[in-house]
Amino acid sequence: MQFEEHSKRVWSVDYSSIDPTRLVSGSDDGTIKIWTLNQESSIASIDCKVGAALLASSARFPGVLSCQQ
């Protein structure tokens, strides 16, 4: 499966330790995309206004994302 919604380079990808079918990706296009392996399009998009070069999801706090340029 290939995900192709970011308009610029993707710098970071992380998966959920709670639900390994869920992924998050951060891109130079200033968005974080949330994906599920069950469908080809993202299930959510977060506009960070800046490139999301470093991205991590939290195992202790599901639903919490951290992004940094």
N, C-alpha and C. Protein backbone atom coordinates (compact mmCIF):
# COMPACT_ATOMS: atom_id res chain seq x y z
N MET A 1 0.84 -1.17 0.00
CA MET A 1 0.00 0.00 0.00
C MET A 1 0.89 1.24 0.00
N GLN A 2 0.50 2.23 -0.77
CA GLN A 2 1.26 3.47 -0.87
C GLN A 2 0.33 4.64 -0.59
N PHE A 3 0.78 5.53 0.30
CA PHE A 3 -0.01 6.71 0.67
C PHE A 3 0.59 7.93 -0.03
N GLU A 4 -0.25 8.74 -0.70
CA GLU A 4 0.27 9.81 -1.54
C GLU A 4 -0.50 11.12 -1.39
N GLU A 5 -0.80 11.58 -0.20
CA GLU A 5 -1.56 12.82 -0.05
C GLU A 5 -0.70 14.04 0.27
N HIS A 6 0.51 13.85 0.78
CA HIS A 6 1.35 15.01 1.07
C HIS A 6 1.82 15.63 -0.24
N SER A 7 1.92 16.96 -0.27
CA SER A 7 2.35 17.65 -1.48
C SER A 7 3.86 17.90 -1.51
N LYS A 8 4.54 17.66 -0.39
CA LYS A 8 5.99 17.81 -0.31
C LYS A 8 6.58 16.60 0.41
N ARG A 9 7.90 16.63 0.57
CA ARG A 9 8.63 15.50 1.15
C ARG A 9 8.15 15.16 2.56
N VAL A 10 8.02 13.87 2.84
CA VAL A 10 7.68 13.37 4.18
C VAL A 10 8.98 13.09 4.92
N TRP A 11 9.09 13.65 6.12
CA TRP A 11 10.30 13.50 6.92
C TRP A 11 10.14 12.51 8.06
N SER A 12 8.92 12.28 8.49
CA SER A 12 8.75 11.47 9.69
C SER A 12 7.48 10.63 9.58
N VAL A 13 7.59 9.39 10.04
CA VAL A 13 6.45 8.48 10.12
C VAL A 13 6.54 7.75 11.45
N ASP A 14 5.41 7.60 12.11
CA ASP A 14 5.37 6.84 13.36
C ASP A 14 4.09 6.02 13.36
N TYR A 15 4.10 4.94 14.10
CA TYR A 15 2.90 4.10 14.19
C TYR A 15 2.39 4.11 15.63
N SER A 16 1.15 3.76 15.78
CA SER A 16 0.52 3.71 17.10
C SER A 16 0.85 2.39 17.77
N SER A 17 1.36 2.45 18.99
CA SER A 17 1.61 1.21 19.73
C SER A 17 0.31 0.64 20.29
N ILE A 18 -0.73 1.45 20.35
CA ILE A 18 -2.05 0.99 20.79
C ILE A 18 -2.76 0.26 19.66
N ASP A 19 -2.71 0.84 18.45
CA ASP A 19 -3.35 0.25 17.27
C ASP A 19 -2.34 0.28 16.12
N PRO A 20 -1.58 -0.80 15.91
CA PRO A 20 -0.53 -0.81 14.89
C PRO A 20 -1.01 -0.64 13.45
N THR A 21 -2.33 -0.59 13.22
CA THR A 21 -2.83 -0.32 11.88
C THR A 21 -2.92 1.19 11.63
N ARG A 22 -2.60 2.02 12.62
CA ARG A 22 -2.65 3.48 12.48
C ARG A 22 -1.24 4.06 12.40
N LEU A 23 -1.06 4.98 11.45
CA LEU A 23 0.21 5.65 11.24
C LEU A 23 0.00 7.15 11.23
N VAL A 24 1.05 7.90 11.54
CA VAL A 24 1.04 9.34 11.37
C VAL A 24 2.26 9.71 10.53
N SER A 25 2.12 10.73 9.69
CA SER A 25 3.24 11.19 8.87
C SER A 25 3.32 12.71 8.95
N GLY A 26 4.55 13.23 8.97
CA GLY A 26 4.78 14.66 9.00
C GLY A 26 5.57 15.08 7.77
N SER A 27 5.21 16.22 7.19
CA SER A 27 5.77 16.61 5.90
C SER A 27 6.18 18.08 5.86
N ASP A 28 7.02 18.40 4.87
CA ASP A 28 7.39 19.79 4.58
C ASP A 28 6.19 20.62 4.15
N ASP A 29 5.10 19.98 3.78
CA ASP A 29 3.92 20.74 3.36
C ASP A 29 3.16 21.34 4.55
N GLY A 30 3.66 21.11 5.77
CA GLY A 30 3.05 21.70 6.97
C GLY A 30 1.89 20.92 7.52
N THR A 31 1.71 19.69 7.08
CA THR A 31 0.60 18.89 7.58
C THR A 31 1.08 17.61 8.24
N ILE A 32 0.27 17.17 9.18
CA ILE A 32 0.40 15.83 9.76
C ILE A 32 -0.81 15.07 9.26
N LYS A 33 -0.58 13.90 8.72
CA LYS A 33 -1.66 13.04 8.23
C LYS A 33 -1.76 11.83 9.14
N ILE A 34 -2.97 11.44 9.45
CA ILE A 34 -3.23 10.23 10.23
C ILE A 34 -3.84 9.22 9.27
N TRP A 35 -3.27 8.02 9.27
CA TRP A 35 -3.65 6.98 8.32
C TRP A 35 -4.07 5.71 9.05
N THR A 36 -4.87 4.92 8.38
CA THR A 36 -5.15 3.56 8.81
C THR A 36 -4.82 2.64 7.65
N LEU A 37 -4.28 1.49 7.94
CA LEU A 37 -3.94 0.54 6.89
C LEU A 37 -5.18 -0.05 6.23
N ASN A 38 -6.35 0.24 6.78
CA ASN A 38 -7.60 -0.30 6.25
C ASN A 38 -8.17 0.52 5.08
N GLN A 39 -7.58 1.69 4.78
CA GLN A 39 -8.05 2.48 3.65
C GLN A 39 -6.90 3.25 3.03
N GLU A 40 -7.08 3.68 1.79
CA GLU A 40 -6.00 4.30 1.03
C GLU A 40 -5.86 5.80 1.25
N SER A 41 -6.86 6.45 1.81
CA SER A 41 -6.76 7.89 2.07
C SER A 41 -6.62 8.13 3.58
N SER A 42 -6.06 9.30 3.92
CA SER A 42 -5.87 9.62 5.33
C SER A 42 -7.23 9.78 6.02
N ILE A 43 -7.23 9.53 7.32
CA ILE A 43 -8.48 9.67 8.08
C ILE A 43 -8.56 11.02 8.77
N ALA A 44 -7.42 11.75 8.83
CA ALA A 44 -7.41 13.09 9.40
C ALA A 44 -6.17 13.82 8.93
N SER A 45 -6.25 15.14 8.91
CA SER A 45 -5.13 15.98 8.54
C SER A 45 -5.08 17.16 9.50
N ILE A 46 -3.88 17.46 10.01
CA ILE A 46 -3.67 18.55 10.95
C ILE A 46 -2.73 19.55 10.29
N ASP A 47 -3.15 20.82 10.21
CA ASP A 47 -2.33 21.85 9.61
C ASP A 47 -1.43 22.47 10.67
N CYS A 48 -0.12 22.28 10.55
CA CYS A 48 0.85 22.79 11.52
C CYS A 48 1.38 24.16 11.14
N LYS A 49 1.09 24.64 9.94
CA LYS A 49 1.57 25.93 9.42
C LYS A 49 3.06 25.93 9.11
N VAL A 50 3.81 24.96 9.62
CA VAL A 50 5.24 24.82 9.31
C VAL A 50 5.50 23.36 8.98
N GLY A 51 6.63 23.07 8.38
CA GLY A 51 6.98 21.69 8.08
C GLY A 51 7.10 20.86 9.35
N ALA A 52 6.62 19.67 9.32
CA ALA A 52 6.68 18.76 10.47
C ALA A 52 7.81 17.76 10.23
N ALA A 53 9.03 18.14 10.62
CA ALA A 53 10.19 17.30 10.36
C ALA A 53 10.33 16.18 11.37
N LEU A 54 10.06 16.46 12.63
CA LEU A 54 10.14 15.44 13.68
C LEU A 54 8.74 15.22 14.21
N LEU A 55 8.34 13.97 14.28
CA LEU A 55 6.98 13.66 14.67
C LEU A 55 6.99 12.42 15.54
N ALA A 56 6.24 12.43 16.61
CA ALA A 56 6.16 11.26 17.47
C ALA A 56 4.77 11.16 18.07
N SER A 57 4.27 9.95 18.15
CA SER A 57 3.02 9.71 18.85
C SER A 57 3.38 9.18 20.24
N SER A 58 2.47 9.31 21.15
CA SER A 58 2.76 8.94 22.53
C SER A 58 2.06 7.64 22.90
N ALA A 59 2.83 6.67 23.38
CA ALA A 59 2.24 5.41 23.83
C ALA A 59 1.50 5.62 25.15
N ARG A 60 2.01 6.48 26.01
CA ARG A 60 1.38 6.72 27.31
C ARG A 60 0.10 7.54 27.18
N PHE A 61 0.06 8.42 26.18
CA PHE A 61 -1.09 9.29 26.01
C PHE A 61 -1.62 9.18 24.59
N PRO A 62 -2.41 8.14 24.31
CA PRO A 62 -2.94 7.96 22.95
C PRO A 62 -3.70 9.21 22.51
N GLY A 63 -3.51 9.58 21.28
CA GLY A 63 -4.19 10.77 20.77
C GLY A 63 -3.34 12.02 20.89
N VAL A 64 -2.15 11.93 21.50
CA VAL A 64 -1.26 13.09 21.63
C VAL A 64 -0.15 12.97 20.60
N LEU A 65 0.00 14.00 19.80
CA LEU A 65 1.07 14.07 18.80
C LEU A 65 1.98 15.23 19.13
N SER A 66 3.23 15.10 18.80
CA SER A 66 4.18 16.18 18.97
C SER A 66 4.89 16.39 17.65
N CYS A 67 4.96 17.64 17.19
CA CYS A 67 5.69 17.91 15.95
C CYS A 67 6.63 19.08 16.16
N GLN A 68 7.75 19.03 15.45
CA GLN A 68 8.76 20.05 15.57
C GLN A 68 9.41 20.23 14.22
N GLN A 69 9.75 21.46 13.90
CA GLN A 69 10.41 21.72 12.62
C GLN A 69 11.88 21.50 12.77
